[in-house]
């Protein structure tokens, strides 16, 4: 089973769109909301090599990128392959 972590913030349309895709694929994920846990921002920046946009998504600890990158991953690799 794959492990998905998604860093989000409140009122972020791209975060909602990314979570919608994961929910549509019936995938479990760990959401870390930076708005509610600002102390975890540094952790996200370190893991994402300084990327500040939201969401930031990791699959099996590998940085995928943001919402568009998640959709591209789904199209190119597909979650059914895991």
Protein backbone atom coordinates (compact mmCIF):
# COMPACT_ATOMS: atom_id res chain seq x y z
CA UNK A 1 0.00 0.00 0.00
CA UNK A 2 1.32 3.42 -0.91
CA UNK A 3 1.78 6.16 1.66
CA UNK A 4 0.58 9.59 0.58
CA UNK A 5 1.22 12.77 2.54
CA UNK A 6 -0.30 16.07 1.46
CA UNK A 7 0.57 19.44 3.00
CA UNK A 8 -2.38 21.82 2.71
CA UNK A 9 -3.66 25.16 3.95
CA UNK A 10 -7.14 26.49 4.59
CA UNK A 11 -9.20 27.87 1.68
CA UNK A 12 -6.80 26.51 -0.94
CA UNK A 13 -8.63 25.48 -4.14
CA UNK A 14 -5.66 23.45 -5.39
CA UNK A 15 -5.55 21.54 -2.10
CA UNK A 16 -9.24 20.74 -2.43
CA UNK A 17 -8.74 19.62 -6.04
CA UNK A 18 -5.83 17.35 -5.08
CA UNK A 19 -7.76 15.78 -2.20
CA UNK A 20 -10.76 15.30 -4.51
CA UNK A 21 -8.59 13.22 -6.86
CA UNK A 22 -7.23 11.12 -4.00
CA UNK A 23 -10.73 10.58 -2.64
CA UNK A 24 -12.03 9.70 -6.11
CA UNK A 25 -9.28 7.06 -6.37
CA UNK A 26 -10.25 5.85 -2.87
CA UNK A 27 -6.71 6.41 -1.61
CA UNK A 28 -5.88 6.99 2.02
CA UNK A 29 -3.62 9.92 2.75
CA UNK A 30 -2.20 11.87 5.65
CA UNK A 31 -3.13 15.54 5.51
CA UNK A 32 -0.94 18.07 7.28
CA UNK A 33 -2.69 21.44 7.39
CA UNK A 34 -0.07 24.19 7.66
CA UNK A 35 -2.74 26.76 8.62
CA UNK A 36 -3.50 24.70 11.72
CA UNK A 37 0.08 23.47 12.28
CA UNK A 38 2.37 26.36 11.24
CA UNK A 39 5.28 24.76 13.09
CA UNK A 40 5.36 22.08 10.35
CA UNK A 41 6.02 24.59 7.56
CA UNK A 42 9.79 24.22 7.95
CA UNK A 43 9.46 20.44 7.69
CA UNK A 44 7.51 20.83 4.44
CA UNK A 45 10.02 23.32 3.01
CA UNK A 46 12.90 20.98 3.81
CA UNK A 47 11.20 17.94 2.27
CA UNK A 48 10.05 19.86 -0.83
CA UNK A 49 13.41 21.57 -1.41
CA UNK A 50 11.96 24.99 -0.65
CA UNK A 51 8.69 24.79 -2.57
CA UNK A 52 6.23 27.14 -0.87
CA UNK A 53 3.09 26.59 -2.94
CA UNK A 54 0.25 24.46 -1.68
CA UNK A 55 -0.41 21.64 -1.74
CA UNK A 56 2.88 19.77 -1.57
CA UNK A 57 2.41 16.05 -2.12
CA UNK A 58 4.63 13.10 -1.28
CA UNK A 59 4.13 9.50 -2.33
CA UNK A 60 6.19 6.96 -0.38
CA UNK A 61 8.33 9.87 0.88
CA UNK A 62 9.11 10.95 -2.72
CA UNK A 63 8.22 14.56 -3.51
CA UNK A 64 5.66 14.64 -6.33
CA UNK A 65 4.96 18.38 -6.31
CA UNK A 66 1.65 20.21 -6.32
CA UNK A 67 -1.86 19.60 -7.56
CA UNK A 68 -1.06 19.62 -11.29
CA UNK A 69 1.86 17.28 -10.65
CA UNK A 70 -0.46 14.89 -8.82
CA UNK A 71 -2.84 14.81 -11.78
CA UNK A 72 0.11 14.23 -14.14
CA UNK A 73 1.36 11.41 -11.89
CA UNK A 74 -2.08 9.83 -11.98
CA UNK A 75 -2.15 10.11 -15.77
CA UNK A 76 1.43 8.91 -16.40
CA UNK A 77 1.95 6.30 -13.67
CA UNK A 78 -1.52 5.76 -12.31
CA UNK A 79 -2.45 4.78 -8.81
CA UNK A 80 -3.79 1.42 -9.98
CA UNK A 81 -0.20 0.36 -10.68
CA UNK A 82 0.78 0.41 -6.98
